[in-house]
PDB file of N, CA and C in Angstrom:
ATOM      1  N   MET A   1       0.841  -1.182   0.000  1.00  0.00           N
ATOM      2  CA  MET A   1       0.000   0.000   0.000  1.00  0.00           C
ATOM      3  C   MET A   1       0.888   1.248   0.000  1.00  0.00           C
ATOM      4  N   THR A   2       0.550   2.195  -0.822  1.00  0.00           N
ATOM      5  CA  THR A   2       1.301   3.438  -0.928  1.00  0.00           C
ATOM      6  C   THR A   2       1.008   4.320   0.277  1.00  0.00           C
ATOM      7  N   ARG A   3       2.041   4.863   0.864  1.00  0.00           N
ATOM      8  CA  ARG A   3       1.901   5.823   1.957  1.00  0.00           C
ATOM      9  C   ARG A   3       2.134   7.209   1.378  1.00  0.00           C
ATOM     10  N   TYR A   4       1.284   8.132   1.733  1.00  0.00           N
ATOM     11  CA  TYR A   4       1.411   9.494   1.242  1.00  0.00           C
ATOM     12  C   TYR A   4       1.918  10.385   2.361  1.00  0.00           C
ATOM     13  N   THR A   5       2.739  11.343   1.998  1.00  0.00           N
ATOM     14  CA  THR A   5       3.255  12.289   2.989  1.00  0.00           C
ATOM     15  C   THR A   5       2.184  13.337   3.289  1.00  0.00           C
ATOM     16  N   ALA A   6       2.348  14.006   4.398  1.00  0.00           N
ATOM     17  CA  ALA A   6       1.435  15.094   4.761  1.00  0.00           C
ATOM     18  C   ALA A   6       1.453  16.170   3.678  1.00  0.00           C
ATOM     19  N   HIS A   7       2.614  16.434   3.126  1.00  0.00           N
ATOM     20  CA  HIS A   7       2.717  17.437   2.052  1.00  0.00           C
ATOM     21  C   HIS A   7       1.897  17.019   0.830  1.00  0.00           C
ATOM     22  N   GLN A   8       1.973  15.752   0.448  1.00  0.00           N
ATOM     23  CA  GLN A   8       1.207  15.269  -0.703  1.00  0.00           C
ATOM     24  C   GLN A   8      -0.296  15.377  -0.438  1.00  0.00           C
ATOM     25  N   ILE A   9      -0.720  15.014   0.754  1.00  0.00           N
ATOM     26  CA  ILE A   9      -2.143  15.078   1.098  1.00  0.00           C
ATOM     27  C   ILE A   9      -2.613  16.527   1.121  1.00  0.00           C
ATOM     28  N   ASN A  10      -1.824  17.406   1.722  1.00  0.00           N
ATOM     29  CA  ASN A  10      -2.175  18.832   1.745  1.00  0.00           C
ATOM     30  C   ASN A  10      -2.259  19.394   0.338  1.00  0.00           C
ATOM     31  N   SER A  11      -1.307  19.024  -0.509  1.00  0.00           N
ATOM     32  CA  SER A  11      -1.310  19.504  -1.896  1.00  0.00           C
ATOM     33  C   SER A  11      -2.550  19.014  -2.644  1.00  0.00           C
ATOM     34  N   LEU A  12      -2.918  17.775  -2.408  1.00  0.00           N
ATOM     35  CA  LEU A  12      -4.104  17.234  -3.071  1.00  0.00           C
ATOM     36  C   LEU A  12      -5.380  17.911  -2.560  1.00  0.00           C
ATOM     37  N   ALA A  13      -5.468  18.170  -1.265  1.00  0.00           N
ATOM     38  CA  ALA A  13      -6.630  18.879  -0.721  1.00  0.00           C
ATOM     39  C   ALA A  13      -6.724  20.288  -1.305  1.00  0.00           C
ATOM     40  N   ASP A  14      -5.591  20.956  -1.409  1.00  0.00           N
ATOM     41  CA  ASP A  14      -5.579  22.296  -2.019  1.00  0.00           C
ATOM     42  C   ASP A  14      -5.982  22.234  -3.494  1.00  0.00           C
ATOM     43  N   ALA A  15      -5.514  21.213  -4.194  1.00  0.00           N
ATOM     44  CA  ALA A  15      -5.880  21.051  -5.606  1.00  0.00           C
ATOM     45  C   ALA A  15      -7.371  20.777  -5.746  1.00  0.00           C
ATOM     46  N   LEU A  16      -7.945  19.998  -4.840  1.00  0.00           N
ATOM     47  CA  LEU A  16      -9.387  19.720  -4.866  1.00  0.00           C
ATOM     48  C   LEU A  16     -10.168  21.023  -4.712  1.00  0.00           C
ATOM     49  N   CYS A  17      -9.701  21.885  -3.829  1.00  0.00           N
ATOM     50  CA  CYS A  17     -10.332  23.206  -3.675  1.00  0.00           C
ATOM     51  C   CYS A  17     -10.249  24.004  -4.973  1.00  0.00           C
ATOM     52  N   ALA A  18      -9.071  24.046  -5.561  1.00  0.00           N
ATOM     53  CA  ALA A  18      -8.865  24.835  -6.780  1.00  0.00           C
ATOM     54  C   ALA A  18      -9.686  24.306  -7.951  1.00  0.00           C
ATOM     55  N   VAL A  19      -9.728  23.002  -8.108  1.00  0.00           N
ATOM     56  CA  VAL A  19     -10.481  22.399  -9.219  1.00  0.00           C
ATOM     57  C   VAL A  19     -11.983  22.616  -9.029  1.00  0.00           C
ATOM     58  N   THR A  20     -12.459  22.459  -7.809  1.00  0.00           N
ATOM     59  CA  THR A  20     -13.886  22.674  -7.549  1.00  0.00           C
ATOM     60  C   THR A  20     -14.261  24.125  -7.821  1.00  0.00           C
ATOM     61  N   HIS A  21     -13.409  25.043  -7.400  1.00  0.00           N
ATOM     62  CA  HIS A  21     -13.669  26.456  -7.665  1.00  0.00           C
ATOM     63  C   HIS A  21     -13.699  26.731  -9.165  1.00  0.00           C
ATOM     64  N   GLU A  22     -12.682  26.279  -9.858  1.00  0.00           N
ATOM     65  CA  GLU A  22     -12.543  26.581 -11.287  1.00  0.00           C
ATOM     66  C   GLU A  22     -13.626  25.943 -12.148  1.00  0.00           C
ATOM     67  N   TYR A  23     -13.919  24.682 -11.910  1.00  0.00           N
ATOM     68  CA  TYR A  23     -14.792  23.942 -12.830  1.00  0.00           C
ATOM     69  C   TYR A  23     -16.243  23.828 -12.378  1.00  0.00           C
ATOM     70  N   LEU A  24     -16.508  24.032 -11.101  1.00  0.00           N
ATOM     71  CA  LEU A  24     -17.893  23.967 -10.642  1.00  0.00           C
ATOM     72  C   LEU A  24     -18.425  25.339 -10.232  1.00  0.00           C
ATOM     73  N   TRP A  25     -17.680  26.076  -9.409  1.00  0.00           N
ATOM     74  CA  TRP A  25     -18.187  27.360  -8.939  1.00  0.00           C
ATOM     75  C   TRP A  25     -18.121  28.442 -10.001  1.00  0.00           C
ATOM     76  N   THR A  26     -16.998  28.619 -10.658  1.00  0.00           N
ATOM     77  CA  THR A  26     -16.842  29.724 -11.615  1.00  0.00           C
ATOM     78  C   THR A  26     -17.938  29.723 -12.683  1.00  0.00           C
ATOM     79  N   PRO A  27     -18.257  28.587 -13.313  1.00  0.00           N
ATOM     80  CA  PRO A  27     -19.325  28.617 -14.314  1.00  0.00           C
ATOM     81  C   PRO A  27     -20.714  28.888 -13.721  1.00  0.00           C
ATOM     82  N   ARG A  28     -20.889  28.675 -12.440  1.00  0.00           N
ATOM     83  CA  ARG A  28     -22.206  28.822 -11.835  1.00  0.00           C
ATOM     84  C   ARG A  28     -22.333  30.084 -10.973  1.00  0.00           C
ATOM     85  N   ALA A  29     -21.259  30.802 -10.777  1.00  0.00           N
ATOM     86  CA  ALA A  29     -21.267  31.965  -9.888  1.00  0.00           C
ATOM     87  C   ALA A  29     -22.267  33.031 -10.337  1.00  0.00           C
ATOM     88  N   GLN A  30     -22.363  33.264 -11.618  1.00  0.00           N
ATOM     89  CA  GLN A  30     -23.299  34.275 -12.125  1.00  0.00           C
ATOM     90  C   GLN A  30     -24.744  33.875 -11.833  1.00  0.00           C
ATOM     91  N   TRP A  31     -25.065  32.610 -12.022  1.00  0.00           N
ATOM     92  CA  TRP A  31     -26.394  32.102 -11.687  1.00  0.00           C
ATOM     93  C   TRP A  31     -26.682  32.294 -10.201  1.00  0.00           C
ATOM     94  N   ALA A  32     -25.721  31.962  -9.352  1.00  0.00           N
ATOM     95  CA  ALA A  32     -25.888  32.094  -7.904  1.00  0.00           C
ATOM     96  C   ALA A  32     -26.075  33.555  -7.511  1.00  0.00           C
ATOM     97  N   GLU A  33     -25.331  34.441  -8.142  1.00  0.00           N
ATOM     98  CA  GLU A  33     -25.434  35.870  -7.845  1.00  0.00           C
ATOM     99  C   GLU A  33     -26.814  36.409  -8.209  1.00  0.00           C
ATOM    100  N   LYS A  34     -27.393  35.972  -9.308  1.00  0.00           N
ATOM    101  CA  LYS A  34     -28.739  36.402  -9.686  1.00  0.00           C
ATOM    102  C   LYS A  34     -29.765  35.898  -8.678  1.00  0.00           C
ATOM    103  N   ARG A  35     -29.560  34.699  -8.218  1.00  0.00           N
ATOM    104  CA  ARG A  35     -30.491  34.074  -7.275  1.00  0.00           C
ATOM    105  C   ARG A  35     -30.345  34.644  -5.863  1.00  0.00           C
ATOM    106  N   THR A  36     -29.109  34.892  -5.456  1.00  0.00           N
ATOM    107  CA  THR A  36     -28.819  35.425  -4.121  1.00  0.00           C
ATOM    108  C   THR A  36     -27.744  36.494  -4.260  1.00  0.00           C
ATOM    109  N   PRO A  37     -28.153  37.747  -4.475  1.00  0.00           N
ATOM    110  CA  PRO A  37     -27.169  38.823  -4.656  1.00  0.00           C
ATOM    111  C   PRO A  37     -26.181  38.880  -3.489  1.00  0.00           C
ATOM    112  N   GLY A  38     -24.905  39.023  -3.851  1.00  0.00           N
ATOM    113  CA  GLY A  38     -23.860  39.111  -2.844  1.00  0.00           C
ATOM    114  C   GLY A  38     -23.306  37.784  -2.368  1.00  0.00           C
ATOM    115  N   VAL A  39     -23.796  36.691  -2.949  1.00  0.00           N
ATOM    116  CA  VAL A  39     -23.311  35.376  -2.516  1.00  0.00           C
ATOM    117  C   VAL A  39     -21.834  35.205  -2.847  1.00  0.00           C
ATOM    118  N   ASN A  40     -21.129  34.530  -1.953  1.00  0.00           N
ATOM    119  CA  ASN A  40     -19.716  34.267  -2.163  1.00  0.00           C
ATOM    120  C   ASN A  40     -19.415  32.872  -1.633  1.00  0.00           C
ATOM    121  N   LEU A  41     -18.654  32.110  -2.384  1.00  0.00           N
ATOM    122  CA  LEU A  41     -18.260  30.765  -1.969  1.00  0.00           C
ATOM    123  C   LEU A  41     -16.745  30.681  -2.042  1.00  0.00           C
ATOM    124  N   VAL A  42     -16.123  30.419  -0.904  1.00  0.00           N
ATOM    125  CA  VAL A  42     -14.679  30.237  -0.858  1.00  0.00           C
ATOM    126  C   VAL A  42     -14.389  28.782  -0.479  1.00  0.00           C
ATOM    127  N   PHE A  43     -13.200  28.354  -0.803  1.00  0.00           N
ATOM    128  CA  PHE A  43     -12.813  26.958  -0.611  1.00  0.00           C
ATOM    129  C   PHE A  43     -11.594  26.896   0.283  1.00  0.00           C
ATOM    130  N   ARG A  44     -11.575  25.879   1.154  1.00  0.00           N
ATOM    131  CA  ARG A  44     -10.432  25.701   2.033  1.00  0.00           C
ATOM    132  C   ARG A  44     -10.229  24.225   2.327  1.00  0.00           C
ATOM    133  N   ALA A  45      -8.988  23.891   2.649  1.00  0.00           N
ATOM    134  CA  ALA A  45      -8.657  22.539   3.089  1.00  0.00           C
ATOM    135  C   ALA A  45      -8.613  22.569   4.607  1.00  0.00           C
ATOM    136  N   GLY A  46      -9.473  21.767   5.229  1.00  0.00           N
ATOM    137  CA  GLY A  46      -9.494  21.681   6.687  1.00  0.00           C
ATOM    138  C   GLY A  46      -8.570  20.580   7.167  1.00  0.00           C
ATOM    139  N   SER A  47      -8.392  20.501   8.459  1.00  0.00           N
ATOM    140  CA  SER A  47      -7.437  19.537   9.001  1.00  0.00           C
ATOM    141  C   SER A  47      -8.053  18.179   9.343  1.00  0.00           C
ATOM    142  N   GLY A  48      -9.374  18.095   9.436  1.00  0.00           N
ATOM    143  CA  GLY A  48      -9.999  16.865   9.914  1.00  0.00           C
ATOM    144  C   GLY A  48     -10.655  16.035   8.837  1.00  0.00           C
ATOM    145  N   ASN A  49     -11.590  15.184   9.286  1.00  0.00           N
ATOM    146  CA  ASN A  49     -12.341  14.310   8.385  1.00  0.00           C
ATOM    147  C   ASN A  49     -13.449  15.054   7.646  1.00  0.00           C
ATOM    148  N   ALA A  50     -14.007  16.043   8.306  1.00  0.00           N
ATOM    149  CA  ALA A  50     -15.225  16.671   7.811  1.00  0.00           C
ATOM    150  C   ALA A  50     -15.021  17.395   6.485  1.00  0.00           C
ATOM    151  N   THR A  51     -15.991  17.197   5.617  1.00  0.00           N
ATOM    152  CA  THR A  51     -16.078  17.910   4.349  1.00  0.00           C
ATOM    153  C   THR A  51     -17.488  18.475   4.311  1.00  0.00           C
ATOM    154  N   TYR A  52     -17.596  19.801   4.234  1.00  0.00           N
ATOM    155  CA  TYR A  52     -18.902  20.423   4.435  1.00  0.00           C
ATOM    156  C   TYR A  52     -18.926  21.842   3.880  1.00  0.00           C
ATOM    157  N   VAL A  53     -20.134  22.410   3.868  1.00  0.00           N
ATOM    158  CA  VAL A  53     -20.335  23.806   3.491  1.00  0.00           C
ATOM    159  C   VAL A  53     -20.905  24.517   4.706  1.00  0.00           C
ATOM    160  N   SER A  54     -20.347  25.671   5.007  1.00  0.00           N
ATOM    161  CA  SER A  54     -20.824  26.441   6.158  1.00  0.00           C
ATOM    162  C   SER A  54     -20.958  27.910   5.773  1.00  0.00           C
ATOM    163  N   HIS A  55     -21.630  28.659   6.651  1.00  0.00           N
ATOM    164  CA  HIS A  55     -21.702  30.108   6.461  1.00  0.00           C
ATOM    165  C   HIS A  55     -21.693  30.779   7.818  1.00  0.00           C
ATOM    166  N   LYS A  56     -21.298  32.025   7.819  1.00  0.00           N
ATOM    167  CA  LYS A  56     -21.226  32.788   9.062  1.00  0.00           C
ATOM    168  C   LYS A  56     -22.575  33.449   9.333  1.00  0.00           C
ATOM    169  N   LYS A  57     -22.974  33.449  10.598  1.00  0.00           N
ATOM    170  CA  LYS A  57     -24.252  34.053  10.961  1.00  0.00           C
ATOM    171  C   LYS A  57     -24.309  35.534  10.624  1.00  0.00           C
ATOM    172  N   GLU A  58     -23.165  36.217  10.776  1.00  0.00           N
ATOM    173  CA  GLU A  58     -23.166  37.658  10.523  1.00  0.00           C
ATOM    174  C   GLU A  58     -23.312  37.999   9.039  1.00  0.00           C
ATOM    175  N   ASN A  59     -22.991  37.068   8.162  1.00  0.00           N
ATOM    176  CA  ASN A  59     -23.208  37.287   6.740  1.00  0.00           C
ATOM    177  C   ASN A  59     -23.599  35.961   6.094  1.00  0.00           C
ATOM    178  N   PRO A  60     -24.888  35.667   6.065  1.00  0.00           N
ATOM    179  CA  PRO A  60     -25.352  34.375   5.557  1.00  0.00           C
ATOM    180  C   PRO A  60     -25.140  34.168   4.057  1.00  0.00           C
ATOM    181  N   ARG A  61     -24.561  35.159   3.376  1.00  0.00           N
ATOM    182  CA  ARG A  61     -24.278  34.998   1.942  1.00  0.00           C
ATOM    183  C   ARG A  61     -22.831  34.596   1.682  1.00  0.00           C
ATOM    184  N   ASP A  62     -22.032  34.551   2.726  1.00  0.00           N
ATOM    185  CA  ASP A  62     -20.642  34.102   2.603  1.00  0.00           C
ATOM    186  C   ASP A  62     -20.559  32.639   3.006  1.00  0.00           C
ATOM    187  N   PHE A  63     -20.262  31.791   2.052  1.00  0.00           N
ATOM    188  CA  PHE A  63     -20.186  30.355   2.285  1.00  0.00           C
ATOM    189  C   PHE A  63     -18.742  29.887   2.159  1.00  0.00           C
ATOM    190  N   THR A  64     -18.417  28.870   2.927  1.00  0.00           N
ATOM    191  CA  THR A  64     -17.100  28.244   2.845  1.00  0.00           C
ATOM    192  C   THR A  64     -17.290  26.753   2.629  1.00  0.00           C
ATOM    193  N   MET A  65     -16.644  26.227   1.608  1.00  0.00           N
ATOM    194  CA  MET A  65     -16.643  24.786   1.372  1.00  0.00           C
ATOM    195  C   MET A  65     -15.305  24.261   1.866  1.00  0.00           C
ATOM    196  N   THR A  66     -15.375  23.337   2.809  1.00  0.00           N
ATOM    197  CA  THR A  66     -14.170  22.782   3.424  1.00  0.00           C
ATOM    198  C   THR A  66     -14.018  21.322   3.032  1.00  0.00           C
ATOM    199  N   PHE A  67     -12.839  20.987   2.549  1.00  0.00           N
ATOM    200  CA  PHE A  67     -12.489  19.602   2.246  1.00  0.00           C
ATOM    201  C   PHE A  67     -11.499  19.141   3.319  1.00  0.00           C
ATOM    202  N   GLY A  68     -11.909  18.176   4.127  1.00  0.00           N
ATOM    203  CA  GLY A  68     -11.050  17.685   5.198  1.00  0.00           C
ATOM    204  C   GLY A  68      -9.860  16.899   4.667  1.00  0.00           C
ATOM    205  N   ARG A  69      -8.689  17.217   5.179  1.00  0.00           N
ATOM    206  CA  ARG A  69      -7.473  16.533   4.735  1.00  0.00           C
ATOM    207  C   ARG A  69      -7.515  15.041   5.068  1.00  0.00           C
ATOM    208  N   LYS A  70      -8.110  14.690   6.204  1.00  0.00           N
ATOM    209  CA  LYS A  70      -8.192  13.267   6.567  1.00  0.00           C
ATOM    210  C   LYS A  70      -9.142  12.523   5.636  1.00  0.00           C
ATOM    211  N   MET A  71     -10.165  13.201   5.143  1.00  0.00           N
ATOM    212  CA  MET A  71     -11.041  12.585   4.142  1.00  0.00           C
ATOM    213  C   MET A  71     -10.269  12.348   2.857  1.00  0.00           C
ATOM    214  N   VAL A  72      -9.455  13.332   2.467  1.00  0.00           N
ATOM    215  CA  VAL A  72      -8.635  13.185   1.259  1.00  0.00           C
ATOM    216  C   VAL A  72      -7.700  11.990   1.428  1.00  0.00           C
ATOM    217  N   GLU A  73      -7.075  11.902   2.573  1.00  0.00           N
ATOM    218  CA  GLU A  73      -6.173  10.779   2.828  1.00  0.00           C
ATOM    219  C   GLU A  73      -6.910   9.438   2.760  1.00  0.00           C
ATOM    220  N   SER A  74      -8.105   9.379   3.318  1.00  0.00           N
ATOM    221  CA  SER A  74      -8.853   8.114   3.277  1.00  0.00           C
ATOM    222  C   SER A  74      -9.309   7.768   1.867  1.00  0.00           C
ATOM    223  N   ALA A  75      -9.518   8.796   1.027  1.00  0.00           N
ATOM    224  CA  ALA A  75      -9.896   8.531  -0.368  1.00  0.00           C
ATOM    225  C   ALA A  75      -8.755   7.877  -1.135  1.00  0.00           C
ATOM    226  N   LEU A  76      -7.542   8.019  -0.615  1.00  0.00           N
ATOM    227  CA  LEU A  76      -6.372   7.412  -1.250  1.00  0.00           C
ATOM    228  C   LEU A  76      -6.083   6.011  -0.716  1.00  0.00           C
ATOM    229  N   THR A  77      -6.870   5.593   0.263  1.00  0.00           N
ATOM    230  CA  THR A  77      -6.646   4.318   0.942  1.00  0.00           C
ATOM    231  C   THR A  77      -7.829   3.401   0.676  1.00  0.00           C
ATOM    232  N   PRO A  78      -7.664   2.388  -0.172  1.00  0.00           N
ATOM    233  CA  PRO A  78      -8.792   1.530  -0.550  1.00  0.00           C
ATOM    234  C   PRO A  78      -9.587   0.964   0.629  1.00  0.00           C
ATOM    235  N   ASP A  79      -8.932   0.597   1.704  1.00  0.00           N
ATOM    236  CA  ASP A  79      -9.635   0.039   2.854  1.00  0.00           C
ATOM    237  C   ASP A  79     -10.495   1.056   3.593  1.00  0.00           C
ATOM    238  N   CYS A  80     -10.264   2.342   3.356  1.00  0.00           N
ATOM    239  CA  CYS A  80     -10.978   3.396   4.081  1.00  0.00           C
ATOM    240  C   CYS A  80     -12.058   4.087   3.254  1.00  0.00           C
ATOM    241  N   MET A  81     -12.118   3.833   1.975  1.00  0.00           N
ATOM    242  CA  MET A  81     -13.041   4.550   1.081  1.00  0.00           C
ATOM    243  C   MET A  81     -14.514   4.269   1.356  1.00  0.00           C
ATOM    244  N   GLY A  82     -14.829   3.063   1.764  1.00  0.00           N
ATOM    245  CA  GLY A  82     -16.204   2.595   1.781  1.00  0.00           C
ATOM    246  C   GLY A  82     -17.187   3.301   2.672  1.00  0.00           C
ATOM    247  N   GLY A  83     -16.752   3.975   3.724  1.00  0.00           N
ATOM    248  CA  GLY A  83     -17.684   4.550   4.679  1.00  0.00           C
ATOM    249  C   GLY A  83     -18.236   5.916   4.340  1.00  0.00           C
ATOM    250  N   TRP A  84     -17.806   6.500   3.271  1.00  0.00           N
ATOM    251  CA  TRP A  84     -18.203   7.866   2.943  1.00  0.00           C
ATOM    252  C   TRP A  84     -19.481   7.902   2.099  1.00  0.00           C
ATOM    253  N   THR A  85     -20.261   8.947   2.288  1.00  0.00           N
ATOM    254  CA  THR A  85     -21.492   9.133   1.512  1.00  0.00           C
ATOM    255  C   THR A  85     -21.201   9.131   0.020  1.00  0.00           C
ATOM    256  N   HIS A  86     -20.165   9.836  -0.390  1.00  0.00           N
ATOM    257  CA  HIS A  86     -19.879   9.925  -1.822  1.00  0.00           C
ATOM    258  C   HIS A  86     -19.500   8.563  -2.401  1.00  0.00           C
ATOM    259  N   THR A  87     -18.886   7.694  -1.601  1.00  0.00           N
ATOM    260  CA  THR A  87     -18.550   6.354  -2.080  1.00  0.00           C
ATOM    261  C   THR A  87     -19.822   5.532  -2.286  1.00  0.00           C
ATOM    262  N   ARG A  88     -20.751   5.640  -1.352  1.00  0.00           N
ATOM    263  CA  ARG A  88     -22.035   4.943  -1.513  1.00  0.00           C
ATOM    264  C   ARG A  88     -22.785   5.475  -2.730  1.00  0.00           C
ATOM    265  N   GLU A  89     -22.707   6.793  -2.954  1.00  0.00           N
ATOM    266  CA  GLU A  89     -23.365   7.369  -4.127  1.00  0.00           C
ATOM    267  C   GLU A  89     -22.761   6.820  -5.421  1.00  0.00           C
ATOM    268  N   ILE A  90     -21.455   6.663  -5.457  1.00  0.00           N
ATOM    269  CA  ILE A  90     -20.817   6.100  -6.656  1.00  0.00           C
ATOM    270  C   ILE A  90     -21.403   4.725  -6.948  1.00  0.00           C
ATOM    271  N   LYS A  91     -21.513   3.901  -5.920  1.00  0.00           N
ATOM    272  CA  LYS A  91     -22.021   2.538  -6.101  1.00  0.00           C
ATOM    273  C   LYS A  91     -23.523   2.516  -6.355  1.00  0.00           C
ATOM    274  N   ASP A  92     -24.288   3.195  -5.488  1.00  0.00           N
ATOM    275  CA  ASP A  92     -25.751   3.130  -5.562  1.00  0.00           C
ATOM    276  C   ASP A  92     -26.328   3.819  -6.788  1.00  0.00           C
ATOM    277  N   ARG A  93     -25.717   4.904  -7.202  1.00  0.00           N
ATOM    278  CA  ARG A  93     -26.243   5.677  -8.339  1.00  0.00           C
ATOM    279  C   ARG A  93     -25.526   5.377  -9.646  1.00  0.00           C
ATOM    280  N   GLY A  94     -24.500   4.549  -9.569  1.00  0.00           N
ATOM    281  CA  GLY A  94     -23.792   4.155 -10.783  1.00  0.00           C
ATOM    282  C   GLY A  94     -22.882   5.217 -11.359  1.00  0.00           C
ATOM    283  N   TYR A  95     -22.493   6.202 -10.544  1.00  0.00           N
ATOM    284  CA  TYR A  95     -21.536   7.192 -11.033  1.00  0.00           C
ATOM    285  C   TYR A  95     -20.251   6.465 -11.414  1.00  0.00           C
ATOM    286  N   PHE A  96     -19.610   6.907 -12.454  1.00  0.00           N
ATOM    287  CA  PHE A  96     -18.338   6.329 -12.905  1.00  0.00           C
ATOM    288  C   PHE A  96     -18.466   4.811 -13.117  1.00  0.00           C
ATOM    289  N   GLN A  97     -19.628   4.395 -13.595  1.00  0.00           N
ATOM    290  CA  GLN A  97     -19.936   2.966 -13.800  1.00  0.00           C
ATOM    291  C   GLN A  97     -19.752   2.172 -12.507  1.00  0.00           C
ATOM    292  N   GLY A  98     -19.944   2.830 -11.366  1.00  0.00           N
ATOM    293  CA  GLY A  98     -19.855   2.167 -10.071  1.00  0.00           C
ATOM    294  C   GLY A  98     -18.447   1.885  -9.600  1.00  0.00           C
ATOM    295  N   GLU A  99     -17.440   2.351 -10.332  1.00  0.00           N
ATOM    296  CA  GLU A  99     -16.042   2.075  -9.980  1.00  0.00           C
ATOM    297  C   GLU A  99     -15.549   3.055  -8.914  1.00  0.00           C
ATOM    298  N   VAL A 100     -15.139   2.499  -7.787  1.00  0.00           N
ATOM    299  CA  VAL A 100     -14.610   3.312  -6.694  1.00  0.00           C
ATOM    300  C   VAL A 100     -13.088   3.243  -6.713  1.00  0.00           C
ATOM    301  N   ASN A 101     -12.465   4.392  -6.912  1.00  0.00           N
ATOM    302  CA  ASN A 101     -11.016   4.529  -6.816  1.00  0.00           C
ATOM    303  C   ASN A 101     -10.745   5.944  -6.321  1.00  0.00           C
ATOM    304  N   ALA A 102      -9.498   6.281  -6.115  1.00  0.00           N
ATOM    305  CA  ALA A 102      -9.164   7.586  -5.536  1.00  0.00           C
ATOM    306  C   ALA A 102      -9.678   8.747  -6.388  1.00  0.00           C
ATOM    307  N   LEU A 103      -9.453   8.703  -7.682  1.00  0.00           N
ATOM    308  CA  LEU A 103      -9.894   9.791  -8.551  1.00  0.00           C
ATOM    309  C   LEU A 103     -11.411   9.936  -8.529  1.00  0.00           C
ATOM    310  N   ASN A 104     -12.120   8.824  -8.672  1.00  0.00           N
ATOM    311  CA  ASN A 104     -13.580   8.885  -8.672  1.00  0.00           C
ATOM    312  C   ASN A 104     -14.117   9.317  -7.315  1.00  0.00           C
ATOM    313  N   SER A 105     -13.479   8.872  -6.254  1.00  0.00           N
ATOM    314  CA  SER A 105     -13.907   9.240  -4.913  1.00  0.00           C
ATOM    315  C   SER A 105     -13.766  10.742  -4.678  1.00  0.00           C
ATOM    316  N   LEU A 106     -12.621  11.299  -5.028  1.00  0.00           N
ATOM    317  CA  LEU A 106     -12.414  12.737  -4.834  1.00  0.00           C
ATOM    318  C   LEU A 106     -13.303  13.566  -5.764  1.00  0.00           C
ATOM    319  N   SER A 107     -13.514  13.091  -6.962  1.00  0.00           N
ATOM    320  CA  SER A 107     -14.424  13.784  -7.881  1.00  0.00           C
ATOM    321  C   SER A 107     -15.833  13.782  -7.325  1.00  0.00           C
ATOM    322  N   ALA A 108     -16.254  12.647  -6.810  1.00  0.00           N
ATOM    323  CA  ALA A 108     -17.615  12.527  -6.274  1.00  0.00           C
ATOM    324  C   ALA A 108     -17.819  13.402  -5.047  1.00  0.00           C
ATOM    325  N   VAL A 109     -16.821  13.477  -4.157  1.00  0.00           N
ATOM    326  CA  VAL A 109     -16.989  14.322  -2.964  1.00  0.00           C
ATOM    327  C   VAL A 109     -17.083  15.786  -3.373  1.00  0.00           C
ATOM    328  N   SER A 110     -16.315  16.192  -4.349  1.00  0.00           N
ATOM    329  CA  SER A 110     -16.385  17.559  -4.845  1.00  0.00           C
ATOM    330  C   SER A 110     -17.780  17.863  -5.393  1.00  0.00           C
ATOM    331  N   MET A 111     -18.278  16.975  -6.219  1.00  0.00           N
ATOM    332  CA  MET A 111     -19.610  17.195  -6.809  1.00  0.00           C
ATOM    333  C   MET A 111     -20.711  17.109  -5.758  1.00  0.00           C
ATOM    334  N   HIS A 112     -20.583  16.193  -4.818  1.00  0.00           N
ATOM    335  CA  HIS A 112     -21.576  16.048  -3.750  1.00  0.00           C
ATOM    336  C   HIS A 112     -21.661  17.335  -2.926  1.00  0.00           C
ATOM    337  N   GLU A 113     -20.535  17.830  -2.471  1.00  0.00           N
ATOM    338  CA  GLU A 113     -20.547  19.048  -1.653  1.00  0.00           C
ATOM    339  C   GLU A 113     -21.027  20.246  -2.450  1.00  0.00           C
ATOM    340  N   PHE A 114     -20.644  20.326  -3.702  1.00  0.00           N
ATOM    341  CA  PHE A 114     -21.099  21.438  -4.521  1.00  0.00           C
ATOM    342  C   PHE A 114     -22.610  21.378  -4.740  1.00  0.00           C
ATOM    343  N   ARG A 115     -23.115  20.188  -4.981  1.00  0.00           N
ATOM    344  CA  ARG A 115     -24.566  20.004  -5.154  1.00  0.00           C
ATOM    345  C   ARG A 115     -25.299  20.425  -3.877  1.00  0.00           C
ATOM    346  N   MET A 116     -24.779  20.034  -2.722  1.00  0.00           N
ATOM    347  CA  MET A 116     -25.404  20.413  -1.459  1.00  0.00           C
ATOM    348  C   MET A 116     -25.326  21.915  -1.232  1.00  0.00           C
ATOM    349  N   SER A 117     -24.211  22.534  -1.603  1.00  0.00           N
ATOM    350  CA  SER A 117     -24.064  23.976  -1.400  1.00  0.00           C
ATOM    351  C   SER A 117     -25.058  24.763  -2.235  1.00  0.00           C
ATOM    352  N   SER A 118     -25.380  24.284  -3.423  1.00  0.00           N
ATOM    353  CA  SER A 118     -26.271  25.051  -4.305  1.00  0.00           C
ATOM    354  C   SER A 118     -27.695  25.108  -3.761  1.00  0.00           C
ATOM    355  N   LYS A 119     -28.009  24.273  -2.793  1.00  0.00           N
ATOM    356  CA  LYS A 119     -29.328  24.337  -2.155  1.00  0.00           C
ATOM    357  C   LYS A 119     -29.408  25.463  -1.134  1.00  0.00           C
ATOM    358  N   LEU A 120     -28.267  26.017  -0.756  1.00  0.00           N
ATOM    359  CA  LEU A 120     -28.221  27.027   0.286  1.00  0.00           C
ATOM    360  C   LEU A 120     -28.396  28.449  -0.237  1.00  0.00           C
ATOM    361  N   TYR A 121     -28.122  28.671  -1.500  1.00  0.00           N
ATOM    362  CA  TYR A 121     -28.234  30.031  -2.042  1.00  0.00           C
ATOM    363  C   TYR A 121     -29.182  30.092  -3.194  1.00  0.00           C
TER     364      TYR A 121
END
């Protein structure tokens, strides 16, 4: 089994943020702005397992999508992939022809969180 360094995992979490911003948020930002003027979505790599979308009470139009570094690490570990919602979605909904691997797992978590975030604005 391949062991990944903390630097590699951090780099991958940061890349997941950048790719989600570029390919999912940027094309949809104008739509979101029309629907909820002033909406903003920023991306960050968190330190834990949790991958989620949050907003601050003082400005409910500022959202943060956090990708947990430990989730990223588990997506790279075949024995750990199975417990995540996005992994079940890959299998149950037939995403990626039901094939669970690191690339499909990280792609699915990005799309899952983005889909959930779009319900908030």
